[in-house]
């Protein structure tokens, strides 16, 4: 996001119920959103099932979704994908579980 004002939201796997149940709490989801438009600029996922979880972010970015769009989507509980929602909420400083 060079030269673009952005907000970052990050959610650690340590705070994710499914990651805890799997016994693998290493990693995080980090979401970058344009500070003015809230459009998702990028998502970093490190941890269990990252290669599966990134698909949600790829589709969202292809359709120029906002962090708020991700935040409003219902994510199953407990699931690893909840971390993506939490990272989107964190970009606006309003996480639910951390």
PDB file of N, CA and C in Angstrom:
ATOM      1  N   UNK A   1       0.840  -1.190   0.000  1.00  0.00           N
ATOM      2  CA  UNK A   1       0.000   0.000   0.000  1.00  0.00           C
ATOM      3  C   UNK A   1       0.876   1.241   0.000  1.00  0.00           C
ATOM      4  N   UNK A   2       1.928   1.217  -0.792  1.00  0.00           N
ATOM      5  CA  UNK A   2       2.874   2.321  -0.858  1.00  0.00           C
ATOM      6  C   UNK A   2       2.196   3.589  -1.370  1.00  0.00           C
ATOM      7  N   UNK A   3       2.281   4.675  -0.597  1.00  0.00           N
ATOM      8  CA  UNK A   3       1.706   5.947  -0.990  1.00  0.00           C
ATOM      9  C   UNK A   3       0.211   6.058  -0.787  1.00  0.00           C
ATOM     10  N   UNK A   4      -0.412   5.045  -0.268  1.00  0.00           N
ATOM     11  CA  UNK A   4      -1.855   5.050  -0.031  1.00  0.00           C
ATOM     12  C   UNK A   4      -2.099   5.019   1.473  1.00  0.00           C
ATOM     13  N   UNK A   5      -2.931   5.932   1.946  1.00  0.00           N
ATOM     14  CA  UNK A   5      -3.287   5.914   3.371  1.00  0.00           C
ATOM     15  C   UNK A   5      -4.167   4.694   3.627  1.00  0.00           C
ATOM     16  N   UNK A   6      -3.802   3.924   4.634  1.00  0.00           N
ATOM     17  CA  UNK A   6      -4.559   2.706   4.908  1.00  0.00           C
ATOM     18  C   UNK A   6      -4.691   2.462   6.412  1.00  0.00           C
ATOM     19  N   UNK A   7      -5.658   1.604   6.739  1.00  0.00           N
ATOM     20  CA  UNK A   7      -5.853   1.126   8.110  1.00  0.00           C
ATOM     21  C   UNK A   7      -5.550  -0.362   8.102  1.00  0.00           C
ATOM     22  N   UNK A   8      -4.971  -0.829   9.180  1.00  0.00           N
ATOM     23  CA  UNK A   8      -4.648  -2.254   9.288  1.00  0.00           C
ATOM     24  C   UNK A   8      -5.395  -2.861  10.466  1.00  0.00           C
ATOM     25  N   UNK A   9      -5.916  -4.044  10.254  1.00  0.00           N
ATOM     26  CA  UNK A   9      -6.540  -4.804  11.331  1.00  0.00           C
ATOM     27  C   UNK A   9      -5.892  -6.167  11.396  1.00  0.00           C
ATOM     28  N   UNK A  10      -5.565  -6.603  12.591  1.00  0.00           N
ATOM     29  CA  UNK A  10      -4.907  -7.903  12.744  1.00  0.00           C
ATOM     30  C   UNK A  10      -5.585  -8.691  13.850  1.00  0.00           C
ATOM     31  N   UNK A  11      -5.710  -9.994  13.634  1.00  0.00           N
ATOM     32  CA  UNK A  11      -6.316 -10.875  14.625  1.00  0.00           C
ATOM     33  C   UNK A  11      -5.440 -12.109  14.781  1.00  0.00           C
ATOM     34  N   UNK A  12      -4.995 -12.400  16.015  1.00  0.00           N
ATOM     35  CA  UNK A  12      -4.098 -13.540  16.239  1.00  0.00           C
ATOM     36  C   UNK A  12      -4.850 -14.872  16.300  1.00  0.00           C
ATOM     37  N   UNK A  13      -4.218 -15.906  15.784  1.00  0.00           N
ATOM     38  CA  UNK A  13      -4.813 -17.245  15.854  1.00  0.00           C
ATOM     39  C   UNK A  13      -5.013 -17.693  17.300  1.00  0.00           C
ATOM     40  N   UNK A  14      -4.206 -17.174  18.192  1.00  0.00           N
ATOM     41  CA  UNK A  14      -4.315 -17.507  19.611  1.00  0.00           C
ATOM     42  C   UNK A  14      -5.709 -17.198  20.164  1.00  0.00           C
ATOM     43  N   UNK A  15      -6.384 -16.211  19.586  1.00  0.00           N
ATOM     44  CA  UNK A  15      -7.711 -15.814  20.057  1.00  0.00           C
ATOM     45  C   UNK A  15      -8.842 -16.489  19.275  1.00  0.00           C
ATOM     46  N   UNK A  16      -8.514 -17.386  18.359  1.00  0.00           N
ATOM     47  CA  UNK A  16      -9.514 -18.057  17.536  1.00  0.00           C
ATOM     48  C   UNK A  16      -9.868 -19.420  18.134  1.00  0.00           C
ATOM     49  N   UNK A  17     -11.149 -19.636  18.387  1.00  0.00           N
ATOM     50  CA  UNK A  17     -11.613 -20.863  19.030  1.00  0.00           C
ATOM     51  C   UNK A  17     -11.265 -22.137  18.277  1.00  0.00           C
ATOM     52  N   UNK A  18     -11.408 -22.136  16.959  1.00  0.00           N
ATOM     53  CA  UNK A  18     -11.103 -23.339  16.174  1.00  0.00           C
ATOM     54  C   UNK A  18      -9.602 -23.624  16.187  1.00  0.00           C
ATOM     55  N   UNK A  19      -8.783 -22.581  16.080  1.00  0.00           N
ATOM     56  CA  UNK A  19      -7.326 -22.776  16.137  1.00  0.00           C
ATOM     57  C   UNK A  19      -6.927 -23.368  17.482  1.00  0.00           C
ATOM     58  N   UNK A  20      -7.574 -22.903  18.536  1.00  0.00           N
ATOM     59  CA  UNK A  20      -7.287 -23.433  19.872  1.00  0.00           C
ATOM     60  C   UNK A  20      -7.700 -24.902  19.954  1.00  0.00           C
ATOM     61  N   UNK A  21      -8.864 -25.235  19.392  1.00  0.00           N
ATOM     62  CA  UNK A  21      -9.332 -26.623  19.410  1.00  0.00           C
ATOM     63  C   UNK A  21      -8.401 -27.534  18.599  1.00  0.00           C
ATOM     64  N   UNK A  22      -7.827 -26.999  17.526  1.00  0.00           N
ATOM     65  CA  UNK A  22      -6.890 -27.767  16.703  1.00  0.00           C
ATOM     66  C   UNK A  22      -5.511 -27.882  17.340  1.00  0.00           C
ATOM     67  N   UNK A  23      -5.266 -27.046  18.352  1.00  0.00           N
ATOM     68  CA  UNK A  23      -3.966 -27.046  19.006  1.00  0.00           C
ATOM     69  C   UNK A  23      -2.888 -26.339  18.198  1.00  0.00           C
ATOM     70  N   UNK A  24      -3.292 -25.482  17.272  1.00  0.00           N
ATOM     71  CA  UNK A  24      -2.338 -24.736  16.444  1.00  0.00           C
ATOM     72  C   UNK A  24      -2.712 -23.259  16.460  1.00  0.00           C
ATOM     73  N   UNK A  25      -2.163 -22.552  17.412  1.00  0.00           N
ATOM     74  CA  UNK A  25      -2.517 -21.138  17.587  1.00  0.00           C
ATOM     75  C   UNK A  25      -1.430 -20.198  17.075  1.00  0.00           C
ATOM     76  N   UNK A  26      -0.527 -20.714  16.266  1.00  0.00           N
ATOM     77  CA  UNK A  26       0.483 -19.843  15.675  1.00  0.00           C
ATOM     78  C   UNK A  26      -0.128 -19.106  14.489  1.00  0.00           C
ATOM     79  N   UNK A  27       0.232 -17.865  14.304  1.00  0.00           N
ATOM     80  CA  UNK A  27      -0.199 -17.127  13.131  1.00  0.00           C
ATOM     81  C   UNK A  27      -1.215 -16.044  13.411  1.00  0.00           C
ATOM     82  N   UNK A  28      -1.722 -15.469  12.322  1.00  0.00           N
ATOM     83  CA  UNK A  28      -2.632 -14.329  12.400  1.00  0.00           C
ATOM     84  C   UNK A  28      -3.258 -14.083  11.030  1.00  0.00           C
ATOM     85  N   UNK A  29      -4.290 -13.238  11.025  1.00  0.00           N
ATOM     86  CA  UNK A  29      -4.836 -12.682   9.787  1.00  0.00           C
ATOM     87  C   UNK A  29      -4.684 -11.176   9.902  1.00  0.00           C
ATOM     88  N   UNK A  30      -4.139 -10.561   8.870  1.00  0.00           N
ATOM     89  CA  UNK A  30      -3.973  -9.110   8.830  1.00  0.00           C
ATOM     90  C   UNK A  30      -4.649  -8.595   7.570  1.00  0.00           C
ATOM     91  N   UNK A  31      -5.476  -7.567   7.722  1.00  0.00           N
ATOM     92  CA  UNK A  31      -6.206  -6.986   6.604  1.00  0.00           C
ATOM     93  C   UNK A  31      -5.844  -5.514   6.491  1.00  0.00           C
ATOM     94  N   UNK A  32      -5.562  -5.061   5.271  1.00  0.00           N
ATOM     95  CA  UNK A  32      -5.268  -3.657   4.998  1.00  0.00           C
ATOM     96  C   UNK A  32      -6.419  -3.079   4.192  1.00  0.00           C
ATOM     97  N   UNK A  33      -6.933  -1.930   4.639  1.00  0.00           N
ATOM     98  CA  UNK A  33      -8.052  -1.288   3.953  1.00  0.00           C
ATOM     99  C   UNK A  33      -7.740   0.177   3.697  1.00  0.00           C
ATOM    100  N   UNK A  34      -8.158   0.669   2.550  1.00  0.00           N
ATOM    101  CA  UNK A  34      -7.975   2.077   2.200  1.00  0.00           C
ATOM    102  C   UNK A  34      -8.616   2.948   3.281  1.00  0.00           C
ATOM    103  N   UNK A  35      -7.879   3.932   3.765  1.00  0.00           N
ATOM    104  CA  UNK A  35      -8.362   4.773   4.865  1.00  0.00           C
ATOM    105  C   UNK A  35      -9.587   5.593   4.476  1.00  0.00           C
ATOM    106  N   UNK A  36      -9.727   5.931   3.204  1.00  0.00           N
ATOM    107  CA  UNK A  36     -10.863   6.754   2.764  1.00  0.00           C
ATOM    108  C   UNK A  36     -12.052   5.920   2.305  1.00  0.00           C
ATOM    109  N   UNK A  37     -11.795   4.915   1.483  1.00  0.00           N
ATOM    110  CA  UNK A  37     -12.895   4.160   0.877  1.00  0.00           C
ATOM    111  C   UNK A  37     -13.214   2.853   1.593  1.00  0.00           C
ATOM    112  N   UNK A  38     -12.321   2.381   2.436  1.00  0.00           N
ATOM    113  CA  UNK A  38     -12.451   1.111   3.154  1.00  0.00           C
ATOM    114  C   UNK A  38     -12.262  -0.103   2.239  1.00  0.00           C
ATOM    115  N   UNK A  39     -11.914   0.110   0.969  1.00  0.00           N
ATOM    116  CA  UNK A  39     -11.669  -1.012   0.057  1.00  0.00           C
ATOM    117  C   UNK A  39     -10.488  -1.840   0.560  1.00  0.00           C
ATOM    118  N   UNK A  40     -10.629  -3.140   0.506  1.00  0.00           N
ATOM    119  CA  UNK A  40      -9.558  -4.033   0.950  1.00  0.00           C
ATOM    120  C   UNK A  40      -8.389  -3.940  -0.033  1.00  0.00           C
ATOM    121  N   UNK A  41      -7.219  -3.627   0.489  1.00  0.00           N
ATOM    122  CA  UNK A  41      -6.013  -3.496  -0.329  1.00  0.00           C
ATOM    123  C   UNK A  41      -5.174  -4.766  -0.308  1.00  0.00           C
ATOM    124  N   UNK A  42      -5.264  -5.509   0.771  1.00  0.00           N
ATOM    125  CA  UNK A  42      -4.480  -6.729   0.887  1.00  0.00           C
ATOM    126  C   UNK A  42      -4.814  -7.487   2.148  1.00  0.00           C
ATOM    127  N   UNK A  43      -4.520  -8.766   2.135  1.00  0.00           N
ATOM    128  CA  UNK A  43      -4.753  -9.623   3.297  1.00  0.00           C
ATOM    129  C   UNK A  43      -3.565 -10.571   3.426  1.00  0.00           C
ATOM    130  N   UNK A  44      -3.063 -10.691   4.643  1.00  0.00           N
ATOM    131  CA  UNK A  44      -1.971 -11.614   4.946  1.00  0.00           C
ATOM    132  C   UNK A  44      -2.532 -12.665   5.893  1.00  0.00           C
ATOM    133  N   UNK A  45      -2.309 -13.928   5.598  1.00  0.00           N
ATOM    134  CA  UNK A  45      -2.754 -15.000   6.485  1.00  0.00           C
ATOM    135  C   UNK A  45      -1.578 -15.933   6.733  1.00  0.00           C
ATOM    136  N   UNK A  46      -1.260 -16.111   8.001  1.00  0.00           N
ATOM    137  CA  UNK A  46      -0.199 -17.021   8.421  1.00  0.00           C
ATOM    138  C   UNK A  46      -0.816 -17.950   9.455  1.00  0.00           C
ATOM    139  N   UNK A  47      -0.716 -19.245   9.239  1.00  0.00           N
ATOM    140  CA  UNK A  47      -1.257 -20.178  10.216  1.00  0.00           C
ATOM    141  C   UNK A  47      -1.961 -21.343   9.559  1.00  0.00           C
ATOM    142  N   UNK A  48      -2.700 -22.110  10.377  1.00  0.00           N
ATOM    143  CA  UNK A  48      -3.345 -23.320   9.864  1.00  0.00           C
ATOM    144  C   UNK A  48      -4.354 -23.009   8.761  1.00  0.00           C
ATOM    145  N   UNK A  49      -4.295 -23.781   7.687  1.00  0.00           N
ATOM    146  CA  UNK A  49      -5.237 -23.694   6.567  1.00  0.00           C
ATOM    147  C   UNK A  49      -5.200 -22.354   5.827  1.00  0.00           C
ATOM    148  N   UNK A  50      -4.091 -21.647   5.899  1.00  0.00           N
ATOM    149  CA  UNK A  50      -3.982 -20.335   5.249  1.00  0.00           C
ATOM    150  C   UNK A  50      -4.302 -20.410   3.759  1.00  0.00           C
ATOM    151  N   UNK A  51      -3.857 -21.475   3.110  1.00  0.00           N
ATOM    152  CA  UNK A  51      -4.090 -21.600   1.665  1.00  0.00           C
ATOM    153  C   UNK A  51      -5.572 -21.756   1.335  1.00  0.00           C
ATOM    154  N   UNK A  52      -6.356 -22.247   2.267  1.00  0.00           N
ATOM    155  CA  UNK A  52      -7.804 -22.359   2.079  1.00  0.00           C
ATOM    156  C   UNK A  52      -8.506 -21.053   2.443  1.00  0.00           C
ATOM    157  N   UNK A  53      -8.038 -20.410   3.497  1.00  0.00           N
ATOM    158  CA  UNK A  53      -8.694 -19.208   4.009  1.00  0.00           C
ATOM    159  C   UNK A  53      -8.520 -17.996   3.104  1.00  0.00           C
ATOM    160  N   UNK A  54      -7.434 -17.936   2.344  1.00  0.00           N
ATOM    161  CA  UNK A  54      -7.164 -16.758   1.525  1.00  0.00           C
ATOM    162  C   UNK A  54      -8.201 -16.575   0.417  1.00  0.00           C
ATOM    163  N   UNK A  55      -8.905 -17.634   0.043  1.00  0.00           N
ATOM    164  CA  UNK A  55      -9.890 -17.551  -1.043  1.00  0.00           C
ATOM    165  C   UNK A  55     -10.955 -16.490  -0.772  1.00  0.00           C
ATOM    166  N   UNK A  56     -11.420 -16.385   0.455  1.00  0.00           N
ATOM    167  CA  UNK A  56     -12.428 -15.368   0.789  1.00  0.00           C
ATOM    168  C   UNK A  56     -11.898 -13.974   0.475  1.00  0.00           C
ATOM    169  N   UNK A  57     -10.651 -13.723   0.854  1.00  0.00           N
ATOM    170  CA  UNK A  57     -10.051 -12.412   0.622  1.00  0.00           C
ATOM    171  C   UNK A  57      -9.853 -12.149  -0.871  1.00  0.00           C
ATOM    172  N   UNK A  58      -9.457 -13.170  -1.618  1.00  0.00           N
ATOM    173  CA  UNK A  58      -9.243 -13.015  -3.061  1.00  0.00           C
ATOM    174  C   UNK A  58     -10.543 -12.626  -3.759  1.00  0.00           C
ATOM    175  N   UNK A  59     -11.628 -13.301  -3.436  1.00  0.00           N
ATOM    176  CA  UNK A  59     -12.924 -12.975  -4.031  1.00  0.00           C
ATOM    177  C   UNK A  59     -13.347 -11.565  -3.618  1.00  0.00           C
ATOM    178  N   UNK A  60     -13.187 -11.246  -2.350  1.00  0.00           N
ATOM    179  CA  UNK A  60     -13.559  -9.912  -1.864  1.00  0.00           C
ATOM    180  C   UNK A  60     -12.794  -8.827  -2.618  1.00  0.00           C
ATOM    181  N   UNK A  61     -11.496  -9.027  -2.792  1.00  0.00           N
ATOM    182  CA  UNK A  61     -10.692  -8.024  -3.487  1.00  0.00           C
ATOM    183  C   UNK A  61     -11.054  -7.943  -4.972  1.00  0.00           C
ATOM    184  N   UNK A  62     -11.387  -9.056  -5.589  1.00  0.00           N
ATOM    185  CA  UNK A  62     -11.775  -9.059  -7.001  1.00  0.00           C
ATOM    186  C   UNK A  62     -13.032  -8.224  -7.229  1.00  0.00           C
ATOM    187  N   UNK A  63     -13.902  -8.191  -6.224  1.00  0.00           N
ATOM    188  CA  UNK A  63     -15.138  -7.427  -6.323  1.00  0.00           C
ATOM    189  C   UNK A  63     -15.056  -6.079  -5.607  1.00  0.00           C
ATOM    190  N   UNK A  64     -13.818  -5.675  -5.263  1.00  0.00           N
ATOM    191  CA  UNK A  64     -13.561  -4.392  -4.606  1.00  0.00           C
ATOM    192  C   UNK A  64     -14.382  -4.218  -3.327  1.00  0.00           C
ATOM    193  N   UNK A  65     -14.468  -5.280  -2.558  1.00  0.00           N
ATOM    194  CA  UNK A  65     -15.209  -5.255  -1.294  1.00  0.00           C
ATOM    195  C   UNK A  65     -14.477  -4.402  -0.265  1.00  0.00           C
ATOM    196  N   UNK A  66     -15.226  -3.966   0.707  1.00  0.00           N
ATOM    197  CA  UNK A  66     -14.670  -3.180   1.808  1.00  0.00           C
ATOM    198  C   UNK A  66     -14.442  -4.081   3.019  1.00  0.00           C
ATOM    199  N   UNK A  67     -13.676  -3.568   3.963  1.00  0.00           N
ATOM    200  CA  UNK A  67     -13.501  -4.293   5.225  1.00  0.00           C
ATOM    201  C   UNK A  67     -14.858  -4.479   5.896  1.00  0.00           C
ATOM    202  N   UNK A  68     -15.715  -3.480   5.771  1.00  0.00           N
ATOM    203  CA  UNK A  68     -17.056  -3.575   6.357  1.00  0.00           C
ATOM    204  C   UNK A  68     -17.859  -4.706   5.713  1.00  0.00           C
ATOM    205  N   UNK A  69     -17.692  -4.920   4.422  1.00  0.00           N
ATOM    206  CA  UNK A  69     -18.382  -6.036   3.754  1.00  0.00           C
ATOM    207  C   UNK A  69     -18.000  -7.362   4.404  1.00  0.00           C
ATOM    208  N   UNK A  70     -16.707  -7.567   4.637  1.00  0.00           N
ATOM    209  CA  UNK A  70     -16.244  -8.800   5.290  1.00  0.00           C
ATOM    210  C   UNK A  70     -16.770  -8.868   6.721  1.00  0.00           C
ATOM    211  N   UNK A  71     -16.747  -7.745   7.416  1.00  0.00           N
ATOM    212  CA  UNK A  71     -17.198  -7.705   8.811  1.00  0.00           C
ATOM    213  C   UNK A  71     -18.672  -8.085   8.945  1.00  0.00           C
ATOM    214  N   UNK A  72     -19.468  -7.780   7.940  1.00  0.00           N
ATOM    215  CA  UNK A  72     -20.910  -8.048   8.012  1.00  0.00           C
ATOM    216  C   UNK A  72     -21.299  -9.461   7.588  1.00  0.00           C
ATOM    217  N   UNK A  73     -20.383 -10.177   6.956  1.00  0.00           N
ATOM    218  CA  UNK A  73     -20.666 -11.552   6.530  1.00  0.00           C
ATOM    219  C   UNK A  73     -20.698 -12.466   7.753  1.00  0.00           C
ATOM    220  N   UNK A  74     -21.686 -13.355   7.790  1.00  0.00           N
ATOM    221  CA  UNK A  74     -21.769 -14.324   8.876  1.00  0.00           C
ATOM    222  C   UNK A  74     -20.705 -15.399   8.672  1.00  0.00           C
ATOM    223  N   UNK A  75     -19.858 -15.568   9.659  1.00  0.00           N
ATOM    224  CA  UNK A  75     -18.831 -16.610   9.636  1.00  0.00           C
ATOM    225  C   UNK A  75     -19.187 -17.637  10.711  1.00  0.00           C
ATOM    226  N   UNK A  76     -19.146 -18.898  10.350  1.00  0.00           N
ATOM    227  CA  UNK A  76     -19.507 -19.966  11.291  1.00  0.00           C
ATOM    228  C   UNK A  76     -18.615 -19.936  12.530  1.00  0.00           C
ATOM    229  N   UNK A  77     -19.183 -20.387  13.654  1.00  0.00           N
ATOM    230  CA  UNK A  77     -18.428 -20.453  14.909  1.00  0.00           C
ATOM    231  C   UNK A  77     -18.544 -21.863  15.477  1.00  0.00           C
ATOM    232  N   UNK A  78     -17.462 -22.437  15.872  1.00  0.00           N
ATOM    233  CA  UNK A  78     -16.093 -21.933  15.733  1.00  0.00           C
ATOM    234  C   UNK A  78     -15.524 -22.307  14.365  1.00  0.00           C
ATOM    235  N   UNK A  79     -14.826 -21.379  13.745  1.00  0.00           N
ATOM    236  CA  UNK A  79     -14.163 -21.659  12.468  1.00  0.00           C
ATOM    237  C   UNK A  79     -12.907 -20.813  12.347  1.00  0.00           C
ATOM    238  N   UNK A  80     -11.971 -21.282  11.560  1.00  0.00           N
ATOM    239  CA  UNK A  80     -10.755 -20.510  11.320  1.00  0.00           C
ATOM    240  C   UNK A  80     -11.080 -19.228  10.556  1.00  0.00           C
ATOM    241  N   UNK A  81     -12.124 -19.265   9.724  1.00  0.00           N
ATOM    242  CA  UNK A  81     -12.473 -18.091   8.916  1.00  0.00           C
ATOM    243  C   UNK A  81     -12.959 -16.909   9.750  1.00  0.00           C
ATOM    244  N   UNK A  82     -13.355 -17.170  10.978  1.00  0.00           N
ATOM    245  CA  UNK A  82     -13.746 -16.059  11.856  1.00  0.00           C
ATOM    246  C   UNK A  82     -12.611 -15.054  12.029  1.00  0.00           C
ATOM    247  N   UNK A  83     -11.383 -15.510  11.912  1.00  0.00           N
ATOM    248  CA  UNK A  83     -10.234 -14.615  12.073  1.00  0.00           C
ATOM    249  C   UNK A  83     -10.213 -13.549  10.985  1.00  0.00           C
ATOM    250  N   UNK A  84     -10.706 -13.876   9.793  1.00  0.00           N
ATOM    251  CA  UNK A  84     -10.775 -12.889   8.713  1.00  0.00           C
ATOM    252  C   UNK A  84     -11.789 -11.809   9.064  1.00  0.00           C
ATOM    253  N   UNK A  85     -12.935 -12.220   9.570  1.00  0.00           N
ATOM    254  CA  UNK A  85     -13.949 -11.253  10.010  1.00  0.00           C
ATOM    255  C   UNK A  85     -13.389 -10.379  11.125  1.00  0.00           C
ATOM    256  N   UNK A  86     -12.717 -10.992  12.084  1.00  0.00           N
ATOM    257  CA  UNK A  86     -12.155 -10.244  13.211  1.00  0.00           C
ATOM    258  C   UNK A  86     -11.088  -9.251  12.751  1.00  0.00           C
ATOM    259  N   UNK A  87     -10.278  -9.636  11.769  1.00  0.00           N
ATOM    260  CA  UNK A  87      -9.265  -8.716  11.239  1.00  0.00           C
ATOM    261  C   UNK A  87      -9.936  -7.533  10.551  1.00  0.00           C
ATOM    262  N   UNK A  88     -11.037  -7.797   9.840  1.00  0.00           N
ATOM    263  CA  UNK A  88     -11.792  -6.712   9.201  1.00  0.00           C
ATOM    264  C   UNK A  88     -12.368  -5.773  10.257  1.00  0.00           C
ATOM    265  N   UNK A  89     -12.884  -6.337  11.326  1.00  0.00           N
ATOM    266  CA  UNK A  89     -13.394  -5.512  12.427  1.00  0.00           C
ATOM    267  C   UNK A  89     -12.264  -4.741  13.100  1.00  0.00           C
ATOM    268  N   UNK A  90     -11.107  -5.364  13.218  1.00  0.00           N
ATOM    269  CA  UNK A  90      -9.959  -4.723  13.866  1.00  0.00           C
ATOM    270  C   UNK A  90      -9.474  -3.504  13.086  1.00  0.00           C
ATOM    271  N   UNK A  91      -9.672  -3.498  11.772  1.00  0.00           N
ATOM    272  CA  UNK A  91      -9.284  -2.339  10.962  1.00  0.00           C
ATOM    273  C   UNK A  91     -10.065  -1.106  11.390  1.00  0.00           C
ATOM    274  N   UNK A  92     -11.209  -1.335  12.026  1.00  0.00           N
ATOM    275  CA  UNK A  92     -12.048  -0.250  12.549  1.00  0.00           C
ATOM    276  C   UNK A  92     -12.055  -0.246  14.076  1.00  0.00           C
ATOM    277  N   UNK A  93     -11.110  -0.972  14.676  1.00  0.00           N
ATOM    278  CA  UNK A  93     -10.944  -1.048  16.130  1.00  0.00           C
ATOM    279  C   UNK A  93     -12.207  -1.516  16.857  1.00  0.00           C
ATOM    280  N   UNK A  94     -12.831  -2.580  16.338  1.00  0.00           N
ATOM    281  CA  UNK A  94     -14.036  -3.096  16.997  1.00  0.00           C
ATOM    282  C   UNK A  94     -14.142  -4.617  16.965  1.00  0.00           C
ATOM    283  N   UNK A  95     -13.042  -5.288  17.311  1.00  0.00           N
ATOM    284  CA  UNK A  95     -13.065  -6.750  17.349  1.00  0.00           C
ATOM    285  C   UNK A  95     -14.070  -7.260  18.373  1.00  0.00           C
ATOM    286  N   UNK A  96     -14.547  -8.469  18.152  1.00  0.00           N
ATOM    287  CA  UNK A  96     -15.505  -9.085  19.067  1.00  0.00           C
ATOM    288  C   UNK A  96     -14.820  -9.945  20.122  1.00  0.00           C
ATOM    289  N   UNK A  97     -13.735 -10.616  19.750  1.00  0.00           N
ATOM    290  CA  UNK A  97     -13.129 -11.611  20.636  1.00  0.00           C
ATOM    291  C   UNK A  97     -11.669 -11.365  20.974  1.00  0.00           C
ATOM    292  N   UNK A  98     -11.217 -10.127  20.894  1.00  0.00           N
ATOM    293  CA  UNK A  98      -9.831  -9.850  21.234  1.00  0.00           C
ATOM    294  C   UNK A  98      -9.689  -8.418  21.687  1.00  0.00           C
TER     295      UNK A  98
END
